[in-house]
Amino acid sequence: MNSFTDLFDTYNWNETKASIYAKTPADVEQALSSSKRTLEDFKALVSPAAAPYLEQMAQISQQLTQKRFGKVLQMYVPLYLSNECNNICTYCGFSYDNKVKRKTLSMMEVMQEVAAIKEMGYEHVLLVTGEDNVNVHVDYFKKVLQLIRPHFAHISMEIQPMDEEDYAQLIPFGLNTILVYQETYHQEDYKKHHPKGKKSNFKYRVETPDRLGKANIHKMGLGVLIGLEDWRTDCFFTALHLNYLEKKYWQSKYSLSFPRLRPYSGGLEPKVEMNDRELVQLICAYRLFNEEVELSISTRESPAFRNNIIKLGITSISAGSKTNPGGYTVAPESLEQFEISDERSPAEISRLIAAQGYEAVWKDWDNCLA
């Protein structure tokens, strides 16, 4: 099997969706009692039939997470480098057709933002850009990485998908993790939401983790934008993708995120609404399916939800986030990618974590658990 596409092409979206919705309470109970859960078990755990079993799922999820990760949550913060983008995406404030002021941080501005982030206590930073190969390219990323590497224990990036050789060039400069979200695995809807730009190439995007694996990235993050399509089916394909990658690129580590569609300045109503209870179900289903994967929650979610999710399987959490380039000090009024829901400070979130008997970790996971 050369890439995930070979496996993906053997599945049919509608058949997969039907099989998830056909799961019964007996299927859920079998999944809950199993010691090693399969993809079929995952279908049962995200199915409507699993809703009455949420308390049981949450208890198992909590136990598995504590066994593997202890009672700690890694703190991370995004640093937006640029809002310039060549893609048209129906759900994103950075979309090419959203006629707003664009900005890419200079090296001096990057360091101003770094100083603000360091003052908050962060050792783990996530660099984010729009997808623009003219202004934010491999050489720009090399300069940024070289500049900030001495200041952070862990550097992640969420940037445009690139070729294997490009990733291989960045890793020696301190790049640890790449996040690349498929947005949706529904190919027809993917085309509707990405009509223009390199991102419109579904196959190139879905094969990005393969290129990352071949480049020997330390960790990669997967996920879909919940609300574009049926979340249960989309998240099954995420689990399928994760399962494939772990077997083929076993040297790499993996994380999952589950961002729900949030408002931006152009606005897109979710096609499918996911309520808080269903998001808890999904988080627990992922943990029951995979004890090793890191699960991350961002400031997209409300304070009340984030307060209650800490013990249920999450391993990393952001706080004090700005989703616009220069948002911390340089250009606080520049265009946001999406609206923040939880605006509490990192110190407040750290105190909340401590109050629940957990510890906020500001440095790298691996050093903490070594």
Protein backbone atom coordinates (compact mmCIF):
# COMPACT_ATOMS: atom_id res chain seq x y z
CA MET A 1 0.00 0.00 0.00
CA ASN A 2 1.73 3.14 -1.25
CA SER A 3 -0.44 5.70 0.51
CA PHE A 4 -3.62 6.12 2.54
CA THR A 5 -5.51 6.75 -0.71
CA ASP A 6 -5.17 3.05 -1.60
CA LEU A 7 -7.02 2.13 1.59
CA PHE A 8 -9.43 5.05 1.50
CA ASP A 9 -10.59 4.15 -2.02
CA THR A 10 -11.83 0.78 -0.77
CA TYR A 11 -14.42 2.53 1.41
CA ASN A 12 -17.73 4.07 0.39
CA TRP A 13 -18.94 7.11 2.38
CA ASN A 14 -22.65 6.24 2.31
CA GLU A 15 -22.09 2.59 3.17
CA THR A 16 -19.79 3.54 6.04
CA LYS A 17 -22.32 6.05 7.36
CA ALA A 18 -25.13 3.48 7.16
CA SER A 19 -23.06 0.91 9.07
CA ILE A 20 -22.40 3.41 11.88
CA TYR A 21 -26.08 4.30 12.25
CA ALA A 22 -27.02 0.60 12.20
CA LYS A 23 -24.99 -0.19 15.32
CA THR A 24 -27.01 -1.56 18.24
CA PRO A 25 -26.73 -1.41 22.05
CA ALA A 26 -25.28 -4.94 21.87
CA ASP A 27 -22.50 -3.67 19.59
CA VAL A 28 -21.76 -0.85 22.04
CA GLU A 29 -21.64 -3.23 25.01
CA GLN A 30 -19.29 -5.54 23.12
CA ALA A 31 -17.01 -2.56 22.34
CA LEU A 32 -17.03 -1.45 25.98
CA SER A 33 -16.11 -4.93 27.26
CA SER A 34 -13.33 -5.47 24.73
CA SER A 35 -9.71 -5.08 25.84
CA LYS A 36 -8.47 -4.10 22.35
CA ARG A 37 -11.01 -2.20 20.29
CA THR A 38 -11.30 -2.40 16.52
CA LEU A 39 -12.52 0.07 13.91
CA GLU A 40 -15.90 -1.66 14.08
CA ASP A 41 -15.91 -1.02 17.83
CA PHE A 42 -15.13 2.64 17.13
CA LYS A 43 -18.16 2.81 14.85
CA ALA A 44 -20.31 1.53 17.71
CA LEU A 45 -18.82 4.01 20.18
CA VAL A 46 -19.59 7.04 17.97
CA SER A 47 -23.01 5.73 16.92
CA PRO A 48 -26.33 7.07 18.27
CA ALA A 49 -26.70 3.73 20.05
CA ALA A 50 -23.80 4.66 22.36
CA ALA A 51 -25.46 7.80 23.75
CA PRO A 52 -26.97 6.06 26.82
CA TYR A 53 -23.53 4.62 27.67
CA LEU A 54 -21.74 7.96 27.92
CA GLU A 55 -21.08 7.76 31.67
CA GLN A 56 -19.46 4.35 31.29
CA MET A 57 -17.41 5.56 28.31
CA ALA A 58 -16.26 8.60 30.29
CA GLN A 59 -15.11 6.47 33.23
CA ILE A 60 -13.08 4.14 31.01
CA SER A 61 -11.65 7.10 29.08
CA GLN A 62 -10.51 8.76 32.31
CA GLN A 63 -8.86 5.54 33.53
CA LEU A 64 -7.04 4.89 30.24
CA THR A 65 -5.81 8.47 29.98
CA GLN A 66 -4.47 8.51 33.54
CA LYS A 67 -2.77 5.13 33.00
CA ARG A 68 -0.90 6.39 29.93
CA PHE A 69 -0.46 10.14 30.55
CA GLY A 70 -0.90 10.60 34.30
CA LYS A 71 -2.84 13.55 35.69
CA VAL A 72 -1.16 16.19 33.55
CA LEU A 73 -2.23 18.44 30.67
CA GLN A 74 0.25 19.99 28.28
CA MET A 75 -0.24 23.72 27.74
CA TYR A 76 0.34 25.10 24.25
CA VAL A 77 -0.32 28.38 22.46
CA PRO A 78 -0.69 29.27 18.76
CA LEU A 79 1.50 31.94 17.17
CA TYR A 80 -0.05 33.13 13.90
CA LEU A 81 2.66 34.20 11.47
CA SER A 82 0.50 35.15 8.48
CA ASN A 83 -3.09 35.45 7.32
CA GLU A 84 -2.17 35.48 3.62
CA CYS A 85 -3.75 32.61 1.70
CA ASN A 86 -4.21 31.52 -1.91
CA ASN A 87 -7.12 29.16 -1.20
CA ILE A 88 -10.82 29.84 -1.19
CA CYS A 89 -12.33 28.00 1.80
CA THR A 90 -15.97 28.63 2.66
CA TYR A 91 -15.45 28.45 6.43
CA CYS A 92 -12.23 30.40 7.02
CA GLY A 93 -11.53 34.05 7.72
CA PHE A 94 -8.23 33.77 5.81
CA SER A 95 -10.00 32.71 2.57
CA TYR A 96 -8.57 34.38 -0.54
CA ASP A 97 -11.93 35.90 -1.46
CA ASN A 98 -12.30 37.58 1.94
CA LYS A 99 -11.05 41.06 0.98
CA VAL A 100 -9.31 42.20 4.13
CA LYS A 101 -5.90 43.48 5.08
CA ARG A 102 -3.26 40.77 4.91
CA LYS A 103 -0.20 40.52 7.12
CA THR A 104 2.90 38.36 7.40
CA LEU A 105 5.12 38.93 10.42
CA SER A 106 8.70 40.09 9.93
CA MET A 107 11.45 38.44 11.98
CA MET A 108 11.44 41.39 14.37
CA GLU A 109 7.67 41.08 14.81
CA VAL A 110 7.99 37.34 15.36
CA MET A 111 10.33 38.00 18.27
CA GLN A 112 7.94 40.58 19.75
CA GLU A 113 5.22 37.92 19.72
CA VAL A 114 7.63 35.34 21.17
CA ALA A 115 8.44 37.68 24.06
CA ALA A 116 4.73 38.05 24.86
CA ILE A 117 4.19 34.29 24.70
CA LYS A 118 7.20 33.56 26.88
CA GLU A 119 5.92 36.05 29.45
CA MET A 120 2.78 33.91 29.72
CA GLY A 121 4.99 30.94 30.58
CA TYR A 122 4.78 28.90 27.39
CA GLU A 123 7.43 26.43 26.25
CA HIS A 124 5.26 24.78 23.57
CA VAL A 125 4.30 26.91 20.57
CA LEU A 126 2.18 26.14 17.51
CA LEU A 127 3.12 28.22 14.44
CA VAL A 128 0.14 28.87 12.14
CA THR A 129 -0.15 30.45 8.69
CA GLY A 130 -2.56 30.61 5.82
CA GLU A 131 -1.58 28.67 2.71
CA ASP A 132 0.45 31.07 0.61
CA ASN A 133 3.57 29.75 -1.11
CA VAL A 134 4.74 33.22 -2.20
CA ASN A 135 4.99 34.91 1.22
CA VAL A 136 5.18 31.96 3.59
CA HIS A 137 7.43 29.35 2.04
CA VAL A 138 10.16 26.93 3.15
CA ASP A 139 12.87 29.62 3.41
CA TYR A 140 10.58 31.84 5.53
CA PHE A 141 9.84 28.89 7.82
CA LYS A 142 13.56 28.10 8.15
CA LYS A 143 14.27 31.68 9.26
CA VAL A 144 11.44 31.62 11.80
CA LEU A 145 12.44 28.22 13.21
CA GLN A 146 16.09 29.19 13.48
CA LEU A 147 15.10 32.39 15.29
CA ILE A 148 12.68 30.91 17.83
CA ARG A 149 14.24 27.48 18.41
CA PRO A 150 16.32 28.60 21.44
CA HIS A 151 13.17 29.88 23.15
CA PHE A 152 10.90 26.81 23.09
CA ALA A 153 11.08 23.18 24.16
CA HIS A 154 8.62 22.09 21.47
CA ILE A 155 7.69 23.67 18.11
CA SER A 156 4.62 22.58 16.15
CA MET A 157 3.39 23.95 12.83
CA GLU A 158 0.02 24.16 11.08
CA ILE A 159 0.89 25.32 7.58
CA GLN A 160 0.16 24.44 3.95
CA PRO A 161 0.76 20.80 3.00
CA MET A 162 4.18 20.43 1.39
CA ASP A 163 6.32 17.85 -0.36
CA GLU A 164 8.33 15.28 1.59
CA GLU A 165 11.61 17.08 0.75
CA ASP A 166 10.32 20.36 2.19
CA TYR A 167 9.41 18.73 5.51
CA ALA A 168 12.79 16.99 5.59
CA GLN A 169 14.47 20.40 5.23
CA LEU A 170 12.56 21.90 8.18
CA ILE A 171 13.03 19.12 10.73
CA PRO A 172 16.74 19.90 11.41
CA PHE A 173 15.72 23.49 12.23
CA GLY A 174 13.74 22.32 15.26
CA LEU A 175 10.37 21.37 13.80
CA ASN A 176 8.85 18.67 16.02
CA THR A 177 5.20 18.34 14.98
CA ILE A 178 3.00 19.09 11.96
CA LEU A 179 -0.77 19.39 12.22
CA VAL A 180 -2.68 18.84 8.99
CA TYR A 181 -6.46 18.68 9.13
CA GLN A 182 -8.34 17.03 6.31
CA GLU A 183 -11.38 19.27 7.06
CA THR A 184 -13.67 16.54 5.67
CA TYR A 185 -13.15 13.09 4.12
CA HIS A 186 -16.36 13.52 2.09
CA GLN A 187 -14.85 14.11 -1.36
CA GLU A 188 -17.84 15.86 -2.97
CA ASP A 189 -18.34 18.21 -0.03
CA TYR A 190 -14.59 18.78 0.16
CA LYS A 191 -14.76 20.16 -3.39
CA LYS A 192 -17.66 22.46 -2.48
CA HIS A 193 -15.75 23.98 0.45
CA HIS A 194 -12.41 24.27 -1.41
CA PRO A 195 -13.23 25.51 -4.93
CA LYS A 196 -9.91 27.30 -5.58
CA GLY A 197 -6.25 26.98 -4.69
CA LYS A 198 -3.86 24.12 -4.02
CA LYS A 199 -6.09 22.98 -1.16
CA SER A 200 -8.74 21.98 -3.71
CA ASN A 201 -6.60 18.90 -4.49
CA PHE A 202 -8.18 16.32 -2.14
CA LYS A 203 -5.65 13.57 -2.94
CA TYR A 204 -2.60 15.77 -2.25
CA ARG A 205 -4.03 16.83 1.10
CA VAL A 206 -5.13 13.40 2.26
CA GLU A 207 -1.68 12.00 1.44
CA THR A 208 0.16 14.71 3.41
CA PRO A 209 0.59 12.50 6.52
CA ASP A 210 2.22 9.86 4.30
CA ARG A 211 4.76 12.45 3.17
CA LEU A 212 5.31 13.45 6.80
CA GLY A 213 5.86 9.84 7.79
CA LYS A 214 8.41 9.36 5.02
CA ALA A 215 10.19 12.54 6.18
CA ASN A 216 10.42 11.00 9.69
CA ILE A 217 8.49 13.72 11.50
CA HIS A 218 8.43 13.22 15.26
CA LYS A 219 4.69 13.78 15.60
CA MET A 220 1.73 14.58 13.36
CA GLY A 221 -1.76 15.77 14.17
CA LEU A 222 -4.98 14.81 12.38
CA GLY A 223 -8.58 15.95 12.50
CA VAL A 224 -11.63 17.20 10.64
CA LEU A 225 -13.61 20.42 10.92
CA ILE A 226 -16.74 19.23 12.67
CA GLY A 227 -19.84 20.67 11.08
CA LEU A 228 -18.91 20.38 7.40
CA GLU A 229 -20.34 16.86 7.13
CA ASP A 230 -21.76 14.04 9.27
CA TRP A 231 -19.34 14.06 12.19
CA ARG A 232 -19.62 10.36 13.01
CA THR A 233 -18.63 9.33 9.49
CA ASP A 234 -15.89 11.95 9.19
CA CYS A 235 -14.40 10.89 12.52
CA PHE A 236 -14.51 7.22 11.54
CA PHE A 237 -12.34 8.09 8.54
CA THR A 238 -10.01 10.01 10.87
CA ALA A 239 -9.72 6.88 13.03
CA LEU A 240 -9.11 4.79 9.90
CA HIS A 241 -6.37 7.22 8.84
CA LEU A 242 -4.78 7.16 12.30
CA ASN A 243 -4.85 3.37 12.39
CA TYR A 244 -3.16 3.16 8.98
CA LEU A 245 -0.47 5.71 9.89
CA GLU A 246 0.40 4.10 13.22
CA LYS A 247 1.02 0.79 11.51
CA LYS A 248 3.02 2.19 8.60
CA TYR A 249 4.94 5.01 10.34
CA TRP A 250 5.24 3.52 13.79
CA GLN A 251 8.23 5.71 14.70
CA SER A 252 6.04 8.83 14.70
CA LYS A 253 3.63 9.90 17.42
CA TYR A 254 0.11 11.14 16.80
CA SER A 255 -2.40 13.65 18.10
CA LEU A 256 -6.05 14.35 17.29
CA SER A 257 -8.05 17.56 17.42
CA PHE A 258 -11.79 18.00 16.96
CA PRO A 259 -12.50 21.65 16.16
CA ARG A 260 -16.17 22.52 15.79
CA LEU A 261 -17.03 25.07 13.12
CA ARG A 262 -16.83 28.54 14.69
CA PRO A 263 -18.01 31.89 13.27
CA TYR A 264 -15.65 34.10 11.28
CA SER A 265 -16.10 37.38 9.47
CA GLY A 266 -17.72 35.73 6.41
CA GLY A 267 -19.80 33.17 8.28
CA LEU A 268 -20.73 29.59 7.40
CA GLU A 269 -23.50 27.76 9.19
CA PRO A 270 -22.62 24.16 10.10
CA LYS A 271 -24.28 21.56 7.88
CA VAL A 272 -24.43 19.25 10.88
CA GLU A 273 -24.63 20.47 14.48
CA MET A 274 -22.73 18.59 17.16
CA ASN A 275 -23.82 19.25 20.75
CA ASP A 276 -21.52 19.17 23.79
CA ARG A 277 -22.66 15.71 24.85
CA GLU A 278 -21.79 14.35 21.41
CA LEU A 279 -18.35 15.94 21.52
CA VAL A 280 -17.72 14.25 24.88
CA GLN A 281 -18.84 10.97 23.28
CA LEU A 282 -16.36 11.47 20.43
CA ILE A 283 -13.45 12.29 22.75
CA CYS A 284 -14.14 9.20 24.85
CA ALA A 285 -14.57 7.03 21.73
CA TYR A 286 -11.14 8.09 20.45
CA ARG A 287 -9.55 7.32 23.82
CA LEU A 288 -11.20 3.90 24.07
CA PHE A 289 -10.05 3.16 20.53
CA ASN A 290 -6.46 4.35 21.04
CA GLU A 291 -4.77 4.67 24.43
CA GLU A 292 -1.61 6.27 23.01
CA VAL A 293 -2.95 9.14 20.91
CA GLU A 294 -2.80 12.67 22.31
CA LEU A 295 -6.13 14.51 22.33
CA SER A 296 -6.15 18.29 22.12
CA ILE A 297 -8.83 20.90 22.87
CA SER A 298 -8.55 24.54 21.79
CA THR A 299 -10.08 27.84 22.82
CA ARG A 300 -12.77 27.34 20.15
CA GLU A 301 -14.76 25.64 22.93
CA SER A 302 -16.66 27.41 25.71
CA PRO A 303 -15.25 27.88 29.23
CA ALA A 304 -17.97 25.63 30.70
CA PHE A 305 -17.21 22.81 28.27
CA ARG A 306 -13.46 23.04 28.79
CA ASN A 307 -13.92 23.04 32.56
CA ASN A 308 -15.74 19.72 32.37
CA ILE A 309 -13.59 17.96 29.78
CA ILE A 310 -10.26 18.08 31.64
CA LYS A 311 -10.63 14.69 33.33
CA LEU A 312 -12.21 12.82 30.43
CA GLY A 313 -9.33 12.11 28.06
CA ILE A 314 -7.81 15.40 26.94
CA THR A 315 -4.01 15.60 27.10
CA SER A 316 -3.27 19.10 25.77
CA ILE A 317 -5.07 22.43 26.00
CA SER A 318 -4.48 25.96 24.74
CA ALA A 319 -5.17 29.18 26.64
CA GLY A 320 -4.87 32.90 26.02
CA SER A 321 -4.87 32.22 22.27
CA LYS A 322 -4.98 34.81 19.51
CA THR A 323 -5.92 33.62 16.02
CA ASN A 324 -4.57 36.56 14.04
CA PRO A 325 -0.98 37.40 13.00
CA GLY A 326 0.58 39.71 15.57
CA GLY A 327 -2.40 39.19 17.87
CA TYR A 328 -0.42 39.25 21.13
CA THR A 329 1.44 42.55 20.65
CA VAL A 330 2.16 43.55 17.04
CA ALA A 331 -1.25 43.87 15.36
CA PRO A 332 -4.06 42.94 17.73
CA GLU A 333 -6.70 44.21 15.28
CA SER A 334 -5.64 42.10 12.27
CA LEU A 335 -7.99 39.53 10.77
CA GLU A 336 -8.80 36.49 12.94
CA GLN A 337 -9.09 33.01 11.46
CA PHE A 338 -12.05 32.25 13.73
CA GLU A 339 -13.61 33.60 16.92
CA ILE A 340 -12.26 32.51 20.30
CA SER A 341 -14.82 31.20 22.77
CA ASP A 342 -12.70 30.77 25.93
CA GLU A 343 -10.79 34.01 26.57
CA ARG A 344 -9.43 33.15 30.00
CA SER A 345 -5.72 33.67 30.62
CA PRO A 346 -3.18 30.83 30.79
CA ALA A 347 -2.82 31.48 34.54
CA GLU A 348 -6.57 31.06 35.02
CA ILE A 349 -6.61 27.80 33.05
CA SER A 350 -3.59 26.55 35.00
CA ARG A 351 -5.40 27.23 38.29
CA LEU A 352 -8.51 25.47 36.99
CA ILE A 353 -6.45 22.40 36.07
CA ALA A 354 -4.83 22.38 39.53
CA ALA A 355 -8.23 22.70 41.23
CA GLN A 356 -9.30 19.48 39.52
CA GLY A 357 -6.28 17.61 40.87
CA TYR A 358 -4.26 17.79 37.65
CA GLU A 359 -0.99 19.51 36.75
CA ALA A 360 -0.44 21.95 33.89
CA VAL A 361 2.76 21.09 32.00
CA TRP A 362 4.40 23.99 30.16
CA LYS A 363 7.34 22.11 28.66
CA ASP A 364 7.47 19.20 26.23
CA TRP A 365 5.51 16.00 26.92
CA ASP A 366 8.43 13.75 26.22
CA ASN A 367 10.74 15.46 28.71
CA CYS A 368 7.95 15.38 31.29
CA LEU A 369 7.27 11.66 30.89
CA ALA A 370 10.86 10.52 30.43
